[in-house]
Amino acid sequence: MDILSGKVIDLEILDYVPDITDNPKAIEVIAELVDKLPDIEVRGSLEKWQAAILASEIDQFSYEYDTYQYQDTVEDREAQVANITEDIRSGNTGYLNDFLNAVISEGVR
């Protein structure tokens, strides 16, 4: 899919391509492209799609923090990341906040 045409990067087209916007690696690559081409006009923003990157990082952290608990509670990592992504986008992040605060509390003790 062409998001770069001439001297314009059209990020608005990503609204119609969930296969890309739900893929953290794809969003990272697009963000790198935008950064490497500072003289290009950018239409739209990656902000709403960067939730996928954050969700992937939270999922990876959760896995590394307690692998056994993670494996007991998560059957499909891809689905888990998609669920976290949607929760971040919709503002349903209370449980993520609680989890991260609990990890911080344990580290302080």
N, C-alpha and C. Protein backbone atom coordinates (compact mmCIF):
# COMPACT_ATOMS: atom_id res chain seq x y z
N MET A 1 0.84 -1.17 0.00
CA MET A 1 0.00 0.00 0.00
C MET A 1 0.89 1.24 0.00
N ASP A 2 0.56 2.19 -0.82
CA ASP A 2 1.35 3.41 -0.92
C ASP A 2 0.84 4.48 0.03
N ILE A 3 1.61 4.74 1.07
CA ILE A 3 1.27 5.86 1.94
C ILE A 3 2.12 7.07 1.57
N LEU A 4 3.17 6.84 0.80
CA LEU A 4 4.03 7.91 0.31
C LEU A 4 3.82 8.06 -1.18
N SER A 5 3.41 9.26 -1.56
CA SER A 5 3.19 9.55 -2.97
C SER A 5 3.73 10.95 -3.25
N GLY A 6 4.74 11.02 -4.07
CA GLY A 6 5.36 12.31 -4.35
C GLY A 6 6.00 12.86 -3.09
N LYS A 7 5.53 14.01 -2.65
CA LYS A 7 6.07 14.64 -1.44
C LYS A 7 5.04 14.65 -0.32
N VAL A 8 4.17 13.64 -0.31
CA VAL A 8 3.11 13.57 0.70
C VAL A 8 3.05 12.17 1.30
N ILE A 9 3.03 12.12 2.62
CA ILE A 9 2.76 10.87 3.34
C ILE A 9 1.33 10.97 3.84
N ASP A 10 0.48 10.07 3.38
CA ASP A 10 -0.94 10.09 3.75
C ASP A 10 -1.22 9.04 4.83
N LEU A 11 -1.21 9.50 6.08
CA LEU A 11 -1.48 8.59 7.20
C LEU A 11 -2.97 8.38 7.41
N GLU A 12 -3.78 9.26 6.83
CA GLU A 12 -5.24 9.15 6.98
C GLU A 12 -5.77 7.87 6.34
N ILE A 13 -5.08 7.37 5.33
CA ILE A 13 -5.50 6.14 4.64
C ILE A 13 -5.44 4.94 5.58
N LEU A 14 -4.63 5.04 6.63
CA LEU A 14 -4.49 3.94 7.57
C LEU A 14 -5.80 3.63 8.31
N ASP A 15 -6.71 4.60 8.35
CA ASP A 15 -8.02 4.36 8.97
C ASP A 15 -8.74 3.18 8.32
N TYR A 16 -8.38 2.88 7.10
CA TYR A 16 -9.07 1.84 6.34
C TYR A 16 -8.28 0.54 6.24
N VAL A 17 -7.17 0.46 6.96
CA VAL A 17 -6.31 -0.72 6.86
C VAL A 17 -5.95 -1.24 8.25
N PRO A 18 -6.89 -1.90 8.94
CA PRO A 18 -6.61 -2.39 10.29
C PRO A 18 -5.49 -3.42 10.35
N ASP A 19 -5.22 -4.12 9.27
CA ASP A 19 -4.12 -5.08 9.28
C ASP A 19 -2.79 -4.38 9.53
N ILE A 20 -2.68 -3.15 9.08
CA ILE A 20 -1.46 -2.37 9.32
C ILE A 20 -1.52 -1.69 10.67
N THR A 21 -2.63 -1.05 10.98
CA THR A 21 -2.71 -0.27 12.21
C THR A 21 -2.69 -1.12 13.47
N ASP A 22 -3.04 -2.38 13.36
CA ASP A 22 -2.99 -3.28 14.51
C ASP A 22 -1.66 -4.01 14.63
N ASN A 23 -0.73 -3.67 13.75
CA ASN A 23 0.58 -4.31 13.73
C ASN A 23 1.64 -3.32 14.25
N PRO A 24 2.11 -3.53 15.49
CA PRO A 24 3.08 -2.59 16.07
C PRO A 24 4.33 -2.39 15.21
N LYS A 25 4.83 -3.44 14.61
CA LYS A 25 6.03 -3.31 13.79
C LYS A 25 5.76 -2.42 12.57
N ALA A 26 4.60 -2.56 11.96
CA ALA A 26 4.25 -1.73 10.80
C ALA A 26 4.19 -0.26 11.20
N ILE A 27 3.59 0.03 12.35
CA ILE A 27 3.50 1.41 12.82
C ILE A 27 4.89 1.97 13.12
N GLU A 28 5.76 1.16 13.70
CA GLU A 28 7.13 1.59 13.97
C GLU A 28 7.84 1.95 12.67
N VAL A 29 7.68 1.11 11.64
CA VAL A 29 8.34 1.35 10.36
C VAL A 29 7.81 2.64 9.72
N ILE A 30 6.51 2.85 9.81
CA ILE A 30 5.93 4.08 9.25
C ILE A 30 6.43 5.30 10.01
N ALA A 31 6.51 5.20 11.34
CA ALA A 31 7.03 6.32 12.15
C ALA A 31 8.48 6.63 11.76
N GLU A 32 9.28 5.59 11.52
CA GLU A 32 10.67 5.79 11.08
C GLU A 32 10.70 6.49 9.73
N LEU A 33 9.81 6.10 8.83
CA LEU A 33 9.74 6.72 7.51
C LEU A 33 9.42 8.20 7.64
N VAL A 34 8.45 8.52 8.48
CA VAL A 34 8.08 9.93 8.69
C VAL A 34 9.27 10.70 9.25
N ASP A 35 9.98 10.13 10.21
CA ASP A 35 11.14 10.80 10.82
C ASP A 35 12.28 11.01 9.82
N LYS A 36 12.46 10.06 8.91
CA LYS A 36 13.57 10.14 7.95
C LYS A 36 13.29 11.08 6.79
N LEU A 37 12.04 11.51 6.66
CA LEU A 37 11.67 12.40 5.56
C LEU A 37 11.05 13.68 6.11
N PRO A 38 11.84 14.52 6.78
CA PRO A 38 11.29 15.70 7.44
C PRO A 38 10.72 16.76 6.49
N ASP A 39 11.13 16.75 5.24
CA ASP A 39 10.66 17.75 4.29
C ASP A 39 9.37 17.35 3.58
N ILE A 40 8.83 16.20 3.94
CA ILE A 40 7.61 15.67 3.30
C ILE A 40 6.38 16.16 4.06
N GLU A 41 5.34 16.51 3.33
CA GLU A 41 4.06 16.88 3.96
C GLU A 41 3.42 15.61 4.52
N VAL A 42 2.99 15.66 5.78
CA VAL A 42 2.35 14.51 6.42
C VAL A 42 0.88 14.86 6.67
N ARG A 43 0.01 14.05 6.10
CA ARG A 43 -1.43 14.22 6.32
C ARG A 43 -1.88 13.18 7.34
N GLY A 44 -2.39 13.66 8.47
CA GLY A 44 -2.84 12.76 9.51
C GLY A 44 -1.77 12.60 10.58
N SER A 45 -2.00 11.64 11.47
CA SER A 45 -1.11 11.41 12.60
C SER A 45 -1.07 9.94 12.95
N LEU A 46 0.01 9.53 13.54
CA LEU A 46 0.15 8.15 13.99
C LEU A 46 -0.27 7.96 15.45
N GLU A 47 -0.60 9.04 16.13
CA GLU A 47 -0.88 8.97 17.56
C GLU A 47 -1.88 7.88 17.92
N LYS A 48 -3.00 7.84 17.23
CA LYS A 48 -4.01 6.85 17.61
C LYS A 48 -3.57 5.42 17.31
N TRP A 49 -2.64 5.27 16.39
CA TRP A 49 -2.18 3.92 16.04
C TRP A 49 -1.02 3.48 16.91
N GLN A 50 -0.37 4.40 17.56
CA GLN A 50 0.76 4.04 18.41
C GLN A 50 0.31 3.29 19.65
N ALA A 51 -1.00 3.23 19.86
CA ALA A 51 -1.54 2.40 20.94
C ALA A 51 -1.13 0.95 20.74
N ALA A 52 -1.03 0.53 19.49
CA ALA A 52 -0.63 -0.85 19.19
C ALA A 52 0.80 -1.12 19.66
N ILE A 53 1.66 -0.14 19.52
CA ILE A 53 3.04 -0.30 19.98
C ILE A 53 3.08 -0.40 21.49
N LEU A 54 2.38 0.50 22.16
CA LEU A 54 2.33 0.48 23.61
C LEU A 54 1.74 -0.83 24.12
N ALA A 55 0.68 -1.29 23.47
CA ALA A 55 0.04 -2.55 23.88
C ALA A 55 1.01 -3.72 23.75
N SER A 56 1.76 -3.74 22.68
CA SER A 56 2.74 -4.81 22.48
C SER A 56 3.83 -4.76 23.56
N GLU A 57 4.26 -3.57 23.90
CA GLU A 57 5.28 -3.44 24.93
C GLU A 57 4.75 -3.85 26.31
N ILE A 58 3.52 -3.48 26.62
CA ILE A 58 2.91 -3.88 27.89
C ILE A 58 2.75 -5.40 27.94
N ASP A 59 2.32 -5.98 26.84
CA ASP A 59 2.16 -7.43 26.79
C ASP A 59 3.50 -8.12 27.00
N GLN A 60 4.54 -7.66 26.33
CA GLN A 60 5.87 -8.26 26.48
C GLN A 60 6.37 -8.11 27.91
N PHE A 61 6.16 -6.95 28.50
CA PHE A 61 6.57 -6.73 29.88
C PHE A 61 5.84 -7.70 30.82
N SER A 62 4.54 -7.84 30.61
CA SER A 62 3.73 -8.75 31.42
C SER A 62 4.25 -10.17 31.31
N TYR A 63 4.56 -10.59 30.11
CA TYR A 63 5.10 -11.93 29.87
C TYR A 63 6.42 -12.13 30.60
N GLU A 64 7.31 -11.15 30.48
CA GLU A 64 8.64 -11.27 31.10
C GLU A 64 8.56 -11.14 32.62
N TYR A 65 7.61 -10.38 33.12
CA TYR A 65 7.50 -10.15 34.55
C TYR A 65 7.10 -11.43 35.28
N ASP A 66 6.11 -12.15 34.75
CA ASP A 66 5.65 -13.39 35.37
C ASP A 66 5.19 -14.34 34.27
N THR A 67 6.15 -15.01 33.67
CA THR A 67 5.88 -15.88 32.52
C THR A 67 4.86 -16.97 32.84
N TYR A 68 4.98 -17.59 34.00
CA TYR A 68 4.07 -18.67 34.34
C TYR A 68 2.64 -18.17 34.52
N GLN A 69 2.47 -17.06 35.22
CA GLN A 69 1.14 -16.47 35.39
C GLN A 69 0.57 -16.07 34.03
N TYR A 70 1.40 -15.48 33.19
CA TYR A 70 0.98 -15.06 31.86
C TYR A 70 0.49 -16.26 31.06
N GLN A 71 1.26 -17.31 31.06
CA GLN A 71 0.89 -18.50 30.29
C GLN A 71 -0.38 -19.16 30.83
N ASP A 72 -0.61 -19.01 32.12
CA ASP A 72 -1.84 -19.56 32.72
C ASP A 72 -3.08 -18.76 32.36
N THR A 73 -2.91 -17.49 32.05
CA THR A 73 -4.07 -16.62 31.84
C THR A 73 -4.27 -16.18 30.39
N VAL A 74 -3.24 -16.26 29.56
CA VAL A 74 -3.34 -15.79 28.18
C VAL A 74 -3.15 -16.97 27.23
N GLU A 75 -4.17 -17.22 26.43
CA GLU A 75 -4.10 -18.32 25.46
C GLU A 75 -3.50 -17.88 24.12
N ASP A 76 -3.79 -16.65 23.72
CA ASP A 76 -3.39 -16.17 22.40
C ASP A 76 -2.77 -14.78 22.55
N ARG A 77 -1.46 -14.69 22.41
CA ARG A 77 -0.77 -13.40 22.61
C ARG A 77 -1.22 -12.36 21.61
N GLU A 78 -1.43 -12.75 20.38
CA GLU A 78 -1.86 -11.80 19.36
C GLU A 78 -3.21 -11.20 19.72
N ALA A 79 -4.12 -12.04 20.18
CA ALA A 79 -5.44 -11.56 20.61
C ALA A 79 -5.31 -10.67 21.85
N GLN A 80 -4.40 -11.03 22.74
CA GLN A 80 -4.16 -10.24 23.94
C GLN A 80 -3.69 -8.84 23.58
N VAL A 81 -2.74 -8.74 22.67
CA VAL A 81 -2.24 -7.43 22.24
C VAL A 81 -3.36 -6.63 21.58
N ALA A 82 -4.18 -7.29 20.76
CA ALA A 82 -5.30 -6.60 20.12
C ALA A 82 -6.28 -6.08 21.16
N ASN A 83 -6.54 -6.85 22.20
CA ASN A 83 -7.45 -6.42 23.26
C ASN A 83 -6.88 -5.22 24.03
N ILE A 84 -5.60 -5.29 24.36
CA ILE A 84 -4.96 -4.19 25.07
C ILE A 84 -4.96 -2.93 24.20
N THR A 85 -4.68 -3.10 22.92
CA THR A 85 -4.69 -1.97 21.98
C THR A 85 -6.05 -1.29 21.98
N GLU A 86 -7.10 -2.07 21.87
CA GLU A 86 -8.46 -1.51 21.85
C GLU A 86 -8.78 -0.83 23.17
N ASP A 87 -8.35 -1.41 24.27
CA ASP A 87 -8.60 -0.79 25.57
C ASP A 87 -7.87 0.55 25.69
N ILE A 88 -6.65 0.63 25.21
CA ILE A 88 -5.91 1.90 25.24
C ILE A 88 -6.62 2.94 24.39
N ARG A 89 -7.03 2.55 23.20
CA ARG A 89 -7.73 3.49 22.31
C ARG A 89 -9.03 3.99 22.90
N SER A 90 -9.72 3.12 23.63
CA SER A 90 -11.03 3.51 24.18
C SER A 90 -10.92 4.13 25.57
N GLY A 91 -9.71 4.15 26.14
CA GLY A 91 -9.52 4.75 27.45
C GLY A 91 -9.79 3.81 28.61
N ASN A 92 -10.02 2.55 28.32
CA ASN A 92 -10.27 1.54 29.35
C ASN A 92 -8.94 1.00 29.85
N THR A 93 -8.23 1.81 30.63
CA THR A 93 -6.87 1.45 31.04
C THR A 93 -6.70 1.27 32.54
N GLY A 94 -7.78 1.26 33.28
CA GLY A 94 -7.70 1.12 34.73
C GLY A 94 -6.94 -0.12 35.15
N TYR A 95 -7.24 -1.25 34.53
CA TYR A 95 -6.56 -2.50 34.90
C TYR A 95 -5.08 -2.47 34.55
N LEU A 96 -4.71 -1.77 33.49
CA LEU A 96 -3.29 -1.64 33.14
C LEU A 96 -2.58 -0.78 34.19
N ASN A 97 -3.23 0.28 34.59
CA ASN A 97 -2.69 1.15 35.63
C ASN A 97 -2.51 0.37 36.93
N ASP A 98 -3.53 -0.41 37.30
CA ASP A 98 -3.44 -1.22 38.53
C ASP A 98 -2.29 -2.21 38.45
N PHE A 99 -2.15 -2.89 37.31
CA PHE A 99 -1.08 -3.88 37.14
C PHE A 99 0.29 -3.22 37.27
N LEU A 100 0.49 -2.11 36.55
CA LEU A 100 1.80 -1.45 36.58
C LEU A 100 2.10 -0.88 37.96
N ASN A 101 1.10 -0.35 38.64
CA ASN A 101 1.32 0.15 40.00
C ASN A 101 1.66 -0.99 40.97
N ALA A 102 1.05 -2.15 40.78
CA ALA A 102 1.36 -3.32 41.63
C ALA A 102 2.81 -3.76 41.39
N VAL A 103 3.25 -3.75 40.14
CA VAL A 103 4.63 -4.12 39.84
C VAL A 103 5.59 -3.12 40.48
N ILE A 104 5.27 -1.85 40.40
CA ILE A 104 6.11 -0.82 41.01
C ILE A 104 6.17 -1.03 42.53
N SER A 105 5.02 -1.29 43.15
CA SER A 105 4.96 -1.50 44.59
C SER A 105 5.81 -2.69 45.03
N GLU A 106 5.77 -3.75 44.26
CA GLU A 106 6.57 -4.93 44.58
C GLU A 106 8.06 -4.63 44.47
N GLY A 107 8.43 -3.81 43.50
CA GLY A 107 9.83 -3.46 43.30
C GLY A 107 10.36 -2.56 44.39
N VAL A 108 9.48 -1.76 44.99
CA VAL A 108 9.89 -0.82 46.03
C VAL A 108 10.16 -1.55 47.33
N ARG A 109 9.44 -2.63 47.58
CA ARG A 109 9.58 -3.37 48.85
C ARG A 109 10.88 -4.02 48.96
